[in-house]
Amino acid sequence: MATVAEAATRNAALLPRPWRVVAASRESHDVVTLELESAAGETSAWQPGQFNMLYAFGIGEVPISFSGGDPRRLRHSIREVGTVSRALAGLVPGTLAGVRGPYGSAWPLDAARGGDVVIAAGGIGLAPLKPLVERICAERNDFGSVSLLYGARTPVDRLFGACLADWRAQGIDVAETVDHADAGWTGQVGVVTTLVRRARFDPATTRAFLCGPEIMMRFTALELERAGLAPTAIALSMERNMQCALGWCGHCQLGPWFVCLDGPVFDWPRMRELMMVRGL
C-alpha cells in the first residue's frame, strides 16, 4: 500500500497546471495552433520531440507534441479529431488550458551535427518536427545538406505554409507532395517515399527524422535503408495511445516499450519488427 507521501507524489504528477491561451491560429480546416503562457509565471524546459498532456477543463486531456515556442511561451498544434482536441482547438485568447509535462524523449539532433539531414513528415506529423527544423535553421552552419520531405492529403491540408517558404530561404531543401491534387496544384502527386528518391544527401553521414502516419514512416524508413542509411541513423516519433504519460496505465505499451516513457522518439531498429506486424 502506498504511503501518504507516495500517494501525494502520484497525485501531483497527474495534476495539470493552468496555462493561459495568448494566441490561437488556424493552420488548416482542422488544425489550430495554441500559444500558451503559464498563469503562474512558470517556464518549461522542453525539447523538440517531446510532448505535453493538454487538459480541456471539464472534458479531458490528450498528448500533444510541441510545435514551437520557448520556455515561457509554448506552441501546440492540435488536429480536431475528437471531443478533447475539438475543445482545445476551440479555446480563445484569455482562456485557460491545463498542462502537464514535458514528457518523453527528444529528437537526437546532436548526433546529426556535421552531417546531412533528411526530415520526412506526413500531415500533422510536420508539427512535432517543426521545432527541430527551427533549431537547425538557427544553427544552420552545424549541418550539411538539409532536406525536408513533406506530404499532405490535399493542397489545402498543407500546414505552416509561411514557415515552408521561410525555411527554403534559409537553405532548407523543401520538397512537397500531396495524395490528391486540385486544379491549382502544380507540384508532386504521390507518397513521401517518392521524394526520398529525389533528395540529395550522403547516406554515410546522414541522420533522418520521421513523423507522420505509421505506414508512411515504415515505408520511408525502408526507402532510406535502401538508399544506404544505417538503421540506427533513422529516428521516428510514435505517438499512439498515450493517456497518462507516466507509464502507469499501460495503454501505450508497444512490445516491450512504453511509448510515453521510452519514446515517443525511437530509433528505427527498436520499431522495425514491430511495425511489420499487421494490425499491431
C-alpha atoms as a PDB file:
ATOM      1  CA  MET A   1       0.000   0.000   0.000  1.00  0.00           C
ATOM      2  CA  ALA A   2       1.326   3.440  -0.929  1.00  0.00           C
ATOM      3  CA  THR A   3       2.286   5.841   1.838  1.00  0.00           C
ATOM      4  CA  VAL A   4       0.639   9.235   2.125  1.00  0.00           C
ATOM      5  CA  ALA A   5       3.770  10.852   0.650  1.00  0.00           C
ATOM      6  CA  GLU A   6       3.856   8.405  -2.267  1.00  0.00           C
ATOM      7  CA  ALA A   7       0.174   8.993  -2.968  1.00  0.00           C
ATOM      8  CA  ALA A   8       0.715  12.747  -2.874  1.00  0.00           C
ATOM      9  CA  THR A   9       3.583  12.446  -5.347  1.00  0.00           C
ATOM     10  CA  ARG A  10       1.471  10.347  -7.721  1.00  0.00           C
ATOM     11  CA  ASN A  11      -1.429  12.784  -7.493  1.00  0.00           C
ATOM     12  CA  ALA A  12       0.859  15.782  -8.110  1.00  0.00           C
ATOM     13  CA  ALA A  13       2.217  14.102 -11.241  1.00  0.00           C
ATOM     14  CA  LEU A  14      -1.321  13.910 -12.603  1.00  0.00           C
ATOM     15  CA  LEU A  15      -2.288  17.467 -11.694  1.00  0.00           C
ATOM     16  CA  PRO A  16      -2.426  19.861 -14.685  1.00  0.00           C
ATOM     17  CA  ARG A  17      -1.116  23.391 -14.217  1.00  0.00           C
ATOM     18  CA  PRO A  18      -3.093  26.333 -15.646  1.00  0.00           C
ATOM     19  CA  TRP A  19      -1.594  27.959 -18.755  1.00  0.00           C
ATOM     20  CA  ARG A  20      -3.345  30.859 -20.477  1.00  0.00           C
ATOM     21  CA  VAL A  21      -4.039  30.933 -24.197  1.00  0.00           C
ATOM     22  CA  VAL A  22      -2.391  34.089 -25.550  1.00  0.00           C
ATOM     23  CA  ALA A  23      -2.921  33.361 -29.258  1.00  0.00           C
ATOM     24  CA  ALA A  24      -4.794  30.885 -31.435  1.00  0.00           C
ATOM     25  CA  SER A  25      -4.048  30.470 -35.142  1.00  0.00           C
ATOM     26  CA  ARG A  26      -5.889  28.279 -37.619  1.00  0.00           C
ATOM     27  CA  GLU A  27      -3.385  26.398 -39.771  1.00  0.00           C
ATOM     28  CA  SER A  28      -5.939  24.462 -41.848  1.00  0.00           C
ATOM     29  CA  HIS A  29      -9.587  23.469 -41.732  1.00  0.00           C
ATOM     30  CA  ASP A  30      -8.902  21.036 -38.874  1.00  0.00           C
ATOM     31  CA  VAL A  31      -5.617  22.186 -37.250  1.00  0.00           C
ATOM     32  CA  VAL A  32      -5.238  25.040 -34.761  1.00  0.00           C
ATOM     33  CA  THR A  33      -2.050  26.233 -33.060  1.00  0.00           C
ATOM     34  CA  LEU A  34      -2.372  27.464 -29.484  1.00  0.00           C
ATOM     35  CA  GLU A  35       0.247  29.662 -27.829  1.00  0.00           C
ATOM     36  CA  LEU A  36       0.285  29.278 -24.069  1.00  0.00           C
ATOM     37  CA  GLU A  37       1.845  31.169 -21.176  1.00  0.00           C
ATOM     38  CA  SER A  38       1.835  29.985 -17.585  1.00  0.00           C
ATOM     39  CA  ALA A  39      -0.782  31.636 -15.403  1.00  0.00           C
ATOM     40  CA  ALA A  40       1.725  31.395 -12.523  1.00  0.00           C
ATOM     41  CA  GLY A  41       4.760  32.638 -14.453  1.00  0.00           C
ATOM     42  CA  GLU A  42       6.333  29.184 -14.735  1.00  0.00           C
ATOM     43  CA  THR A  43       8.683  28.056 -17.501  1.00  0.00           C
ATOM     44  CA  SER A  44       9.047  24.740 -19.320  1.00  0.00           C
ATOM     45  CA  ALA A  45      12.407  23.163 -20.190  1.00  0.00           C
ATOM     46  CA  TRP A  46      11.022  21.267 -23.180  1.00  0.00           C
ATOM     47  CA  GLN A  47      12.987  19.865 -26.124  1.00  0.00           C
ATOM     48  CA  PRO A  48      11.897  19.265 -29.764  1.00  0.00           C
ATOM     49  CA  GLY A  49      10.191  15.886 -30.000  1.00  0.00           C
ATOM     50  CA  GLN A  50       8.717  15.913 -26.508  1.00  0.00           C
ATOM     51  CA  PHE A  51       5.039  16.345 -25.672  1.00  0.00           C
ATOM     52  CA  ASN A  52       2.700  17.799 -23.066  1.00  0.00           C
ATOM     53  CA  MET A  53      -0.577  16.457 -21.800  1.00  0.00           C
ATOM     54  CA  LEU A  54      -3.086  19.234 -22.544  1.00  0.00           C
ATOM     55  CA  TYR A  55      -6.273  19.346 -20.489  1.00  0.00           C
ATOM     56  CA  ALA A  56      -9.554  20.904 -21.559  1.00  0.00           C
ATOM     57  CA  PHE A  57     -11.127  21.668 -18.210  1.00  0.00           C
ATOM     58  CA  GLY A  58     -14.159  19.527 -17.510  1.00  0.00           C
ATOM     59  CA  ILE A  59     -13.638  17.397 -20.615  1.00  0.00           C
ATOM     60  CA  GLY A  60     -10.316  15.530 -20.567  1.00  0.00           C
ATOM     61  CA  GLU A  61      -6.708  15.564 -21.708  1.00  0.00           C
ATOM     62  CA  VAL A  62      -4.693  14.411 -24.708  1.00  0.00           C
ATOM     63  CA  PRO A  63      -0.978  14.207 -25.548  1.00  0.00           C
ATOM     64  CA  ILE A  64       0.161  16.936 -27.948  1.00  0.00           C
ATOM     65  CA  SER A  65       3.739  17.423 -29.148  1.00  0.00           C
ATOM     66  CA  PHE A  66       5.440  20.788 -29.049  1.00  0.00           C
ATOM     67  CA  SER A  67       5.305  22.605 -32.378  1.00  0.00           C
ATOM     68  CA  GLY A  68       7.429  25.556 -31.297  1.00  0.00           C
ATOM     69  CA  GLY A  69       7.855  28.260 -28.733  1.00  0.00           C
ATOM     70  CA  ASP A  70      10.339  28.855 -25.947  1.00  0.00           C
ATOM     71  CA  PRO A  71      10.455  28.155 -22.189  1.00  0.00           C
ATOM     72  CA  ARG A  72       7.923  30.909 -21.417  1.00  0.00           C
ATOM     73  CA  ARG A  73       5.595  30.552 -24.396  1.00  0.00           C
ATOM     74  CA  LEU A  74       4.590  27.116 -25.679  1.00  0.00           C
ATOM     75  CA  ARG A  75       3.106  26.305 -29.077  1.00  0.00           C
ATOM     76  CA  HIS A  76       0.979  23.220 -29.644  1.00  0.00           C
ATOM     77  CA  SER A  77      -0.681  22.446 -32.984  1.00  0.00           C
ATOM     78  CA  ILE A  78      -3.859  20.453 -32.445  1.00  0.00           C
ATOM     79  CA  ARG A  79      -5.793  18.473 -35.009  1.00  0.00           C
ATOM     80  CA  GLU A  80      -9.516  18.329 -34.291  1.00  0.00           C
ATOM     81  CA  VAL A  81     -10.235  14.596 -34.260  1.00  0.00           C
ATOM     82  CA  GLY A  82     -12.147  14.013 -31.017  1.00  0.00           C
ATOM     83  CA  THR A  83     -14.061  15.634 -28.176  1.00  0.00           C
ATOM     84  CA  VAL A  84     -10.998  16.803 -26.240  1.00  0.00           C
ATOM     85  CA  SER A  85      -8.987  18.021 -29.224  1.00  0.00           C
ATOM     86  CA  ARG A  86     -12.000  19.926 -30.555  1.00  0.00           C
ATOM     87  CA  ALA A  87     -12.478  21.573 -27.165  1.00  0.00           C
ATOM     88  CA  LEU A  88      -8.810  22.569 -27.013  1.00  0.00           C
ATOM     89  CA  ALA A  89      -8.832  23.868 -30.583  1.00  0.00           C
ATOM     90  CA  GLY A  90     -11.847  25.985 -29.686  1.00  0.00           C
ATOM     91  CA  LEU A  91     -10.091  27.860 -26.883  1.00  0.00           C
ATOM     92  CA  VAL A  92      -9.709  31.589 -27.411  1.00  0.00           C
ATOM     93  CA  PRO A  93      -7.109  34.042 -26.034  1.00  0.00           C
ATOM     94  CA  GLY A  94      -7.645  34.671 -22.345  1.00  0.00           C
ATOM     95  CA  THR A  95      -8.989  31.226 -21.537  1.00  0.00           C
ATOM     96  CA  LEU A  96      -7.087  28.520 -19.674  1.00  0.00           C
ATOM     97  CA  ALA A  97      -5.860  25.050 -20.562  1.00  0.00           C
ATOM     98  CA  GLY A  98      -4.276  22.547 -18.211  1.00  0.00           C
ATOM     99  CA  VAL A  99      -0.691  21.480 -18.915  1.00  0.00           C
ATOM    100  CA  ARG A 100       1.305  18.507 -17.644  1.00  0.00           C
ATOM    101  CA  GLY A 101       4.817  17.908 -18.860  1.00  0.00           C
ATOM    102  CA  PRO A 102       7.095  17.977 -20.691  1.00  0.00           C
ATOM    103  CA  TYR A 103       7.283  14.225 -21.210  1.00  0.00           C
ATOM    104  CA  GLY A 104       9.104  11.753 -23.397  1.00  0.00           C
ATOM    105  CA  SER A 105      12.276  11.580 -25.434  1.00  0.00           C
ATOM    106  CA  ALA A 106      13.565  14.300 -27.766  1.00  0.00           C
ATOM    107  CA  TRP A 107      14.891  14.229 -31.317  1.00  0.00           C
ATOM    108  CA  PRO A 108      18.594  13.241 -31.223  1.00  0.00           C
ATOM    109  CA  LEU A 109      19.705  16.385 -33.033  1.00  0.00           C
ATOM    110  CA  ASP A 110      23.221  16.484 -31.595  1.00  0.00           C
ATOM    111  CA  ALA A 111      24.021  13.190 -33.343  1.00  0.00           C
ATOM    112  CA  ALA A 112      23.273  14.889 -36.689  1.00  0.00           C
ATOM    113  CA  ARG A 113      25.765  17.738 -36.339  1.00  0.00           C
ATOM    114  CA  GLY A 114      28.408  17.812 -39.023  1.00  0.00           C
ATOM    115  CA  GLY A 115      26.409  15.693 -41.471  1.00  0.00           C
ATOM    116  CA  ASP A 116      23.412  15.816 -43.769  1.00  0.00           C
ATOM    117  CA  VAL A 117      19.836  15.700 -42.502  1.00  0.00           C
ATOM    118  CA  VAL A 118      16.652  14.261 -44.010  1.00  0.00           C
ATOM    119  CA  ILE A 119      13.347  15.201 -42.353  1.00  0.00           C
ATOM    120  CA  ALA A 120      10.223  13.394 -43.581  1.00  0.00           C
ATOM    121  CA  ALA A 121       6.771  14.460 -42.419  1.00  0.00           C
ATOM    122  CA  GLY A 122       3.251  13.385 -43.233  1.00  0.00           C
ATOM    123  CA  GLY A 123       0.206  15.520 -42.413  1.00  0.00           C
ATOM    124  CA  ILE A 124       0.087  16.719 -38.801  1.00  0.00           C
ATOM    125  CA  GLY A 125       3.443  14.949 -38.367  1.00  0.00           C
ATOM    126  CA  LEU A 126       5.089  18.167 -39.527  1.00  0.00           C
ATOM    127  CA  ALA A 127       4.121  19.798 -36.207  1.00  0.00           C
ATOM    128  CA  PRO A 128       6.446  17.739 -33.931  1.00  0.00           C
ATOM    129  CA  LEU A 129       9.240  18.231 -36.495  1.00  0.00           C
ATOM    130  CA  LYS A 130       8.744  21.989 -36.803  1.00  0.00           C
ATOM    131  CA  PRO A 131      10.822  22.945 -33.717  1.00  0.00           C
ATOM    132  CA  LEU A 132      13.547  20.597 -34.956  1.00  0.00           C
ATOM    133  CA  VAL A 133      13.674  22.449 -38.287  1.00  0.00           C
ATOM    134  CA  GLU A 134      13.678  25.776 -36.454  1.00  0.00           C
ATOM    135  CA  ARG A 135      16.604  24.639 -34.296  1.00  0.00           C
ATOM    136  CA  ILE A 136      18.517  23.546 -37.417  1.00  0.00           C
ATOM    137  CA  CYS A 137      17.840  26.895 -39.105  1.00  0.00           C
ATOM    138  CA  ALA A 138      19.115  28.735 -36.021  1.00  0.00           C
ATOM    139  CA  GLU A 139      22.316  26.653 -36.105  1.00  0.00           C
ATOM    140  CA  ARG A 140      22.490  26.171 -39.866  1.00  0.00           C
ATOM    141  CA  ASN A 141      26.302  26.100 -40.086  1.00  0.00           C
ATOM    142  CA  ASP A 142      26.407  22.991 -37.891  1.00  0.00           C
ATOM    143  CA  PHE A 143      24.759  20.840 -40.583  1.00  0.00           C
ATOM    144  CA  GLY A 144      25.382  19.890 -44.175  1.00  0.00           C
ATOM    145  CA  SER A 145      22.590  19.431 -46.714  1.00  0.00           C
ATOM    146  CA  VAL A 146      19.132  19.522 -45.089  1.00  0.00           C
ATOM    147  CA  SER A 147      16.116  18.068 -46.929  1.00  0.00           C
ATOM    148  CA  LEU A 148      12.531  18.393 -45.721  1.00  0.00           C
ATOM    149  CA  LEU A 149      10.160  15.952 -47.422  1.00  0.00           C
ATOM    150  CA  TYR A 150       6.544  16.819 -46.672  1.00  0.00           C
ATOM    151  CA  GLY A 151       3.396  15.033 -47.747  1.00  0.00           C
ATOM    152  CA  ALA A 152      -0.213  16.134 -47.194  1.00  0.00           C
ATOM    153  CA  ARG A 153      -3.554  14.669 -48.219  1.00  0.00           C
ATOM    154  CA  THR A 154      -4.504  17.645 -50.394  1.00  0.00           C
ATOM    155  CA  PRO A 155      -3.047  21.117 -51.063  1.00  0.00           C
ATOM    156  CA  VAL A 156      -5.450  22.715 -48.564  1.00  0.00           C
ATOM    157  CA  ASP A 157      -4.276  20.306 -45.843  1.00  0.00           C
ATOM    158  CA  ARG A 158      -0.707  21.615 -46.048  1.00  0.00           C
ATOM    159  CA  LEU A 159       0.469  23.171 -42.772  1.00  0.00           C
ATOM    160  CA  PHE A 160       2.761  26.088 -41.966  1.00  0.00           C
ATOM    161  CA  GLY A 161       2.920  27.482 -45.495  1.00  0.00           C
ATOM    162  CA  ALA A 162       4.741  30.636 -44.408  1.00  0.00           C
ATOM    163  CA  CYS A 163       7.256  28.549 -42.476  1.00  0.00           C
ATOM    164  CA  LEU A 164       7.933  26.353 -45.508  1.00  0.00           C
ATOM    165  CA  ALA A 165       8.780  29.441 -47.565  1.00  0.00           C
ATOM    166  CA  ASP A 166      10.976  30.839 -44.795  1.00  0.00           C
ATOM    167  CA  TRP A 167      12.836  27.526 -44.414  1.00  0.00           C
ATOM    168  CA  ARG A 168      13.545  27.463 -48.146  1.00  0.00           C
ATOM    169  CA  ALA A 169      15.030  30.941 -47.817  1.00  0.00           C
ATOM    170  CA  GLN A 170      17.289  29.668 -45.033  1.00  0.00           C
ATOM    171  CA  GLY A 171      18.799  26.908 -47.144  1.00  0.00           C
ATOM    172  CA  ILE A 172      16.458  24.017 -46.399  1.00  0.00           C
ATOM    173  CA  ASP A 173      15.624  21.927 -49.486  1.00  0.00           C
ATOM    174  CA  VAL A 174      11.847  21.642 -49.095  1.00  0.00           C
ATOM    175  CA  ALA A 175      10.094  19.096 -51.335  1.00  0.00           C
ATOM    176  CA  GLU A 176       6.330  18.615 -51.137  1.00  0.00           C
ATOM    177  CA  THR A 177       3.818  16.111 -52.402  1.00  0.00           C
ATOM    178  CA  VAL A 178       0.071  15.564 -51.996  1.00  0.00           C
ATOM    179  CA  ASP A 179      -2.052  12.452 -52.220  1.00  0.00           C
ATOM    180  CA  HIS A 180      -4.814  14.190 -54.181  1.00  0.00           C
ATOM    181  CA  ALA A 181      -4.224  17.330 -56.240  1.00  0.00           C
ATOM    182  CA  ASP A 182      -6.686  20.081 -57.086  1.00  0.00           C
ATOM    183  CA  ALA A 183      -6.787  22.244 -60.195  1.00  0.00           C
ATOM    184  CA  GLY A 184      -4.333  24.760 -58.755  1.00  0.00           C
ATOM    185  CA  TRP A 185      -1.662  22.286 -57.645  1.00  0.00           C
ATOM    186  CA  THR A 186       1.375  22.082 -59.936  1.00  0.00           C
ATOM    187  CA  GLY A 187       3.661  20.101 -57.649  1.00  0.00           C
ATOM    188  CA  GLN A 188       4.347  16.436 -56.988  1.00  0.00           C
ATOM    189  CA  VAL A 189       1.493  13.960 -56.503  1.00  0.00           C
ATOM    190  CA  GLY A 190       2.200  10.737 -54.630  1.00  0.00           C
ATOM    191  CA  VAL A 191       3.571   9.375 -51.396  1.00  0.00           C
ATOM    192  CA  VAL A 192       6.504  10.752 -49.398  1.00  0.00           C
ATOM    193  CA  THR A 193       8.762   7.836 -50.354  1.00  0.00           C
ATOM    194  CA  THR A 194       8.902   9.191 -53.917  1.00  0.00           C
ATOM    195  CA  LEU A 195      10.568  12.311 -52.518  1.00  0.00           C
ATOM    196  CA  VAL A 196      13.298  10.250 -50.841  1.00  0.00           C
ATOM    197  CA  ARG A 197      14.488   9.100 -54.256  1.00  0.00           C
ATOM    198  CA  ARG A 198      14.894  12.723 -55.378  1.00  0.00           C
ATOM    199  CA  ALA A 199      16.601  14.078 -52.250  1.00  0.00           C
ATOM    200  CA  ARG A 200      20.328  14.786 -52.227  1.00  0.00           C
ATOM    201  CA  PHE A 201      22.274  13.507 -49.225  1.00  0.00           C
ATOM    202  CA  ASP A 202      25.316  11.455 -48.334  1.00  0.00           C
ATOM    203  CA  PRO A 203      23.961   8.273 -46.717  1.00  0.00           C
ATOM    204  CA  ALA A 204      27.227   7.736 -44.843  1.00  0.00           C
ATOM    205  CA  THR A 205      26.794  10.989 -42.879  1.00  0.00           C
ATOM    206  CA  THR A 206      23.008  11.461 -42.879  1.00  0.00           C
ATOM    207  CA  ARG A 207      20.585  11.365 -39.957  1.00  0.00           C
ATOM    208  CA  ALA A 208      16.862  11.082 -40.688  1.00  0.00           C
ATOM    209  CA  PHE A 209      13.892  12.188 -38.603  1.00  0.00           C
ATOM    210  CA  LEU A 210      10.382  10.926 -39.426  1.00  0.00           C
ATOM    211  CA  CYS A 211       6.899  11.740 -38.142  1.00  0.00           C
ATOM    212  CA  GLY A 212       3.513  11.006 -39.653  1.00  0.00           C
ATOM    213  CA  PRO A 213       1.149   8.076 -40.184  1.00  0.00           C
ATOM    214  CA  GLU A 214       2.863   4.838 -39.213  1.00  0.00           C
ATOM    215  CA  ILE A 215       2.551   3.349 -42.690  1.00  0.00           C
ATOM    216  CA  MET A 216       4.283   6.417 -44.110  1.00  0.00           C
ATOM    217  CA  MET A 217       7.109   6.185 -41.566  1.00  0.00           C
ATOM    218  CA  ARG A 218       7.562   2.462 -42.168  1.00  0.00           C
ATOM    219  CA  PHE A 219       7.930   2.754 -45.932  1.00  0.00           C
ATOM    220  CA  THR A 220      10.037   5.912 -45.678  1.00  0.00           C
ATOM    221  CA  ALA A 221      12.429   4.231 -43.243  1.00  0.00           C
ATOM    222  CA  LEU A 222      12.717   1.227 -45.554  1.00  0.00           C
ATOM    223  CA  GLU A 223      13.376   3.522 -48.519  1.00  0.00           C
ATOM    224  CA  LEU A 224      16.085   5.334 -46.559  1.00  0.00           C
ATOM    225  CA  GLU A 225      17.654   1.997 -45.700  1.00  0.00           C
ATOM    226  CA  ARG A 226      17.671   1.106 -49.390  1.00  0.00           C
ATOM    227  CA  ALA A 227      19.367   4.441 -50.062  1.00  0.00           C
ATOM    228  CA  GLY A 228      22.194   3.394 -47.742  1.00  0.00           C
ATOM    229  CA  LEU A 229      21.316   4.909 -44.360  1.00  0.00           C
ATOM    230  CA  ALA A 230      22.212   2.852 -41.302  1.00  0.00           C
ATOM    231  CA  PRO A 231      19.035   1.852 -39.417  1.00  0.00           C
ATOM    232  CA  THR A 232      20.424   3.460 -36.254  1.00  0.00           C
ATOM    233  CA  ALA A 233      20.621   6.781 -38.127  1.00  0.00           C
ATOM    234  CA  ILE A 234      16.821   6.876 -38.532  1.00  0.00           C
ATOM    235  CA  ALA A 235      14.607   8.258 -35.737  1.00  0.00           C
ATOM    236  CA  LEU A 236      10.809   8.331 -35.724  1.00  0.00           C
ATOM    237  CA  SER A 237       8.065   9.557 -33.440  1.00  0.00           C
ATOM    238  CA  MET A 238       5.450   7.001 -32.328  1.00  0.00           C
ATOM    239  CA  GLU A 239       2.533   8.955 -30.901  1.00  0.00           C
ATOM    240  CA  ARG A 240      -0.052   6.318 -30.125  1.00  0.00           C
ATOM    241  CA  ASN A 241      -2.429   5.534 -27.254  1.00  0.00           C
ATOM    242  CA  MET A 242      -0.726   7.726 -24.648  1.00  0.00           C
ATOM    243  CA  GLN A 243      -3.067   8.539 -21.789  1.00  0.00           C
ATOM    244  CA  CYS A 244      -1.192   9.037 -18.508  1.00  0.00           C
ATOM    245  CA  ALA A 245       2.309   9.955 -19.831  1.00  0.00           C
ATOM    246  CA  LEU A 246       3.827   8.260 -16.780  1.00  0.00           C
ATOM    247  CA  GLY A 247       3.835   4.587 -17.759  1.00  0.00           C
ATOM    248  CA  TRP A 248       1.170   3.764 -15.192  1.00  0.00           C
ATOM    249  CA  CYS A 249      -1.883   2.935 -17.287  1.00  0.00           C
ATOM    250  CA  GLY A 250      -0.229   0.692 -19.889  1.00  0.00           C
ATOM    251  CA  HIS A 251      -2.362   1.889 -22.802  1.00  0.00           C
ATOM    252  CA  CYS A 252       0.654   2.901 -24.882  1.00  0.00           C
ATOM    253  CA  GLN A 253       2.626  -0.337 -24.460  1.00  0.00           C
ATOM    254  CA  LEU A 254       4.106  -1.468 -27.774  1.00  0.00           C
ATOM    255  CA  GLY A 255       6.007  -4.725 -27.485  1.00  0.00           C
ATOM    256  CA  PRO A 256       8.483  -4.215 -24.612  1.00  0.00           C
ATOM    257  CA  TRP A 257       8.240  -0.426 -24.815  1.00  0.00           C
ATOM    258  CA  PHE A 258       6.009   2.218 -23.251  1.00  0.00           C
ATOM    259  CA  VAL A 259       5.646   4.964 -25.841  1.00  0.00           C
ATOM    260  CA  CYS A 260       5.203   7.716 -23.232  1.00  0.00           C
ATOM    261  CA  LEU A 261       8.355   6.736 -21.316  1.00  0.00           C
ATOM    262  CA  ASP A 262      10.684   5.117 -23.855  1.00  0.00           C
ATOM    263  CA  GLY A 263       9.511   7.389 -26.674  1.00  0.00           C
ATOM    264  CA  PRO A 264       7.757   8.962 -28.394  1.00  0.00           C
ATOM    265  CA  VAL A 265      11.030   9.306 -30.329  1.00  0.00           C
ATOM    266  CA  PHE A 266      12.593   5.903 -31.060  1.00  0.00           C
ATOM    267  CA  ASP A 267      15.401   4.754 -33.279  1.00  0.00           C
ATOM    268  CA  TRP A 268      14.246   2.653 -36.231  1.00  0.00           C
ATOM    269  CA  PRO A 269      15.832  -0.651 -35.065  1.00  0.00           C
ATOM    270  CA  ARG A 270      13.590  -0.721 -31.980  1.00  0.00           C
ATOM    271  CA  MET A 271      10.450  -0.217 -34.063  1.00  0.00           C
ATOM    272  CA  ARG A 272      11.329  -2.057 -37.277  1.00  0.00           C
ATOM    273  CA  GLU A 273       9.994  -5.527 -36.487  1.00  0.00           C
ATOM    274  CA  LEU A 274       7.024  -4.242 -34.506  1.00  0.00           C
ATOM    275  CA  MET A 275       5.919  -2.024 -37.393  1.00  0.00           C
ATOM    276  CA  MET A 276       5.954  -5.011 -39.744  1.00  0.00           C
ATOM    277  CA  VAL A 277       3.225  -6.759 -37.713  1.00  0.00           C
ATOM    278  CA  ARG A 278      -0.134  -6.174 -39.361  1.00  0.00           C
ATOM    279  CA  GLY A 279      -2.689  -4.617 -37.030  1.00  0.00           C
ATOM    280  CA  LEU A 280      -0.334  -4.166 -34.079  1.00  0.00           C
END
